[in-house]
Each structure stands twice: as C-alpha cells, then as structure tokens.
Amino acid sequence: MALLLALILPGAGHMYAGEVKKGMIILAFFFIIGFVSALAFFGAFWSMGGSGGPSEFVLVIIITLIVTAIFWLYQIYDAYQAALRFNTAHGLKRYY
C-alpha cells in the first residue's frame, strides 16, 4: 500500500508507513523541484529569442526530467522500505 501511495503522491507512502515528517519533507521537496523546473523551463523558453537556442531549451527539459524521475523512483523505493521497517517493528507479516 505504501508503494502505491508513493506512486500517486510523493511522500504519501512514507506518511502511511509512519514516517510523517519524512513524507512531508519529500512532498515539499517535490513542490520545490516542480517550481524550480518551471522557472528553468520558462527561462530557457524565453531565452530562445536571444542568444540561446533550442538546444538550451531541450537540455533544461532533459535535466529536470532526469532529476525528477530519479528522485521519484528513489522515494517509491524508500517508501516500500519504510513499510517493511514498520511491519517488522510491529510484528506484522508480509503479504504478497
């Protein structure tokens, strides 16, 4: 369940697994990444008329997508691990 929640909303899997503070930090970090990505995207888009070209625009998009994907995949994995830690600490069985 933690893994599915992390897929839908970053940080939700951690909150479900009892790591509320870590989940809130991840969620806030995702909003910050989104805001910075939007600024970089529009900055690169507007600079295309000046000295920058389409290559800068594409580079900004690729870098922000890679950073976001890596962080998103990591938080999904970590939410799953947090759920396993929670289950072990509370003596709950794993169901597959």
Protein backbone atom coordinates (compact mmCIF):
# COMPACT_ATOMS: atom_id res chain seq x y z
CA MET A 1 0.00 0.00 0.00
CA ALA A 2 2.87 2.38 0.79
CA LEU A 3 4.35 1.74 -2.65
CA LEU A 4 1.06 2.53 -4.38
CA LEU A 5 0.61 5.71 -2.37
CA ALA A 6 4.16 6.80 -3.23
CA LEU A 7 3.39 6.23 -6.91
CA ILE A 8 0.37 8.54 -6.69
CA LEU A 9 1.70 11.26 -4.39
CA PRO A 10 5.36 11.65 -3.40
CA GLY A 11 5.74 11.32 0.36
CA ALA A 12 2.34 9.71 0.93
CA GLY A 13 3.89 6.25 1.22
CA HIS A 14 6.19 7.46 3.98
CA MET A 15 3.28 9.06 5.82
CA TYR A 16 1.34 5.80 5.57
CA ALA A 17 4.33 3.88 6.95
CA GLY A 18 4.52 6.15 10.00
CA GLU A 19 7.32 8.45 8.81
CA VAL A 20 5.14 11.56 8.60
CA LYS A 21 7.94 14.11 8.94
CA LYS A 22 10.00 12.46 6.19
CA GLY A 23 6.91 12.25 3.97
CA MET A 24 6.18 15.95 4.41
CA ILE A 25 9.80 16.82 3.57
CA ILE A 26 9.64 14.69 0.41
CA LEU A 27 6.34 16.29 -0.63
CA ALA A 28 7.73 19.80 -0.02
CA PHE A 29 10.91 18.94 -1.93
CA PHE A 30 8.82 17.75 -4.87
CA PHE A 31 6.95 21.05 -4.94
CA ILE A 32 10.27 22.91 -4.84
CA ILE A 33 11.64 20.76 -7.70
CA GLY A 34 8.48 21.50 -9.69
CA PHE A 35 8.75 25.24 -9.07
CA VAL A 36 12.45 25.39 -9.98
CA SER A 37 11.80 23.23 -13.06
CA ALA A 38 9.04 25.58 -14.19
CA LEU A 39 11.33 28.59 -13.73
CA ALA A 40 14.12 26.88 -15.68
CA PHE A 41 11.68 25.81 -18.39
CA PHE A 42 10.25 29.29 -18.92
CA GLY A 43 13.67 30.91 -18.62
CA ALA A 44 15.06 28.64 -21.33
CA PHE A 45 11.95 29.16 -23.46
CA TRP A 46 12.19 32.95 -23.27
CA SER A 47 15.93 32.93 -23.97
CA MET A 48 15.39 31.16 -27.30
CA GLY A 49 14.70 34.54 -28.91
CA GLY A 50 18.05 35.90 -27.69
CA SER A 51 21.45 34.28 -27.69
CA GLY A 52 20.20 30.88 -26.56
CA GLY A 53 18.83 28.37 -28.97
CA PRO A 54 16.59 25.35 -28.93
CA SER A 55 19.46 23.23 -27.64
CA GLU A 56 19.40 25.06 -24.27
CA PHE A 57 15.66 24.56 -24.06
CA VAL A 58 15.94 20.82 -24.72
CA LEU A 59 18.85 20.49 -22.28
CA VAL A 60 16.87 22.14 -19.48
CA ILE A 61 13.91 19.84 -20.10
CA ILE A 62 16.08 16.72 -20.14
CA ILE A 63 17.95 17.63 -16.96
CA THR A 64 14.80 18.47 -14.99
CA LEU A 65 13.07 15.29 -16.16
CA ILE A 66 16.06 13.15 -15.17
CA VAL A 67 16.37 14.74 -11.72
CA THR A 68 12.63 14.44 -11.09
CA ALA A 69 12.50 10.81 -12.27
CA ILE A 70 15.47 9.77 -10.14
CA PHE A 71 14.03 11.39 -7.02
CA TRP A 72 10.55 10.00 -7.70
CA LEU A 73 11.87 6.44 -8.14
CA TYR A 74 14.01 6.75 -5.01
CA GLN A 75 11.11 7.89 -2.85
CA ILE A 76 8.99 4.97 -4.11
CA TYR A 77 11.74 2.50 -3.15
CA ASP A 78 12.28 4.20 0.20
CA ALA A 79 8.54 4.19 0.98
CA TYR A 80 8.49 0.44 0.39
CA GLN A 81 11.49 0.00 2.69
CA ALA A 82 9.82 2.21 5.32
CA ALA A 83 6.72 0.00 5.19
CA LEU A 84 8.90 -3.10 5.67
CA ARG A 85 10.60 -1.46 8.66
CA PHE A 86 7.20 -0.53 10.13
CA ASN A 87 5.87 -4.06 9.67
CA THR A 88 8.98 -5.61 11.22
CA ALA A 89 8.89 -3.24 14.19
CA HIS A 90 5.23 -4.03 14.86
CA GLY A 91 5.47 -7.76 14.23
CA LEU A 92 3.23 -7.71 11.18
CA LYS A 93 3.50 -10.33 8.44
CA ARG A 94 4.32 -9.57 4.82
CA TYR A 95 1.64 -10.48 2.34
CA TYR A 96 2.50 -10.77 -1.34
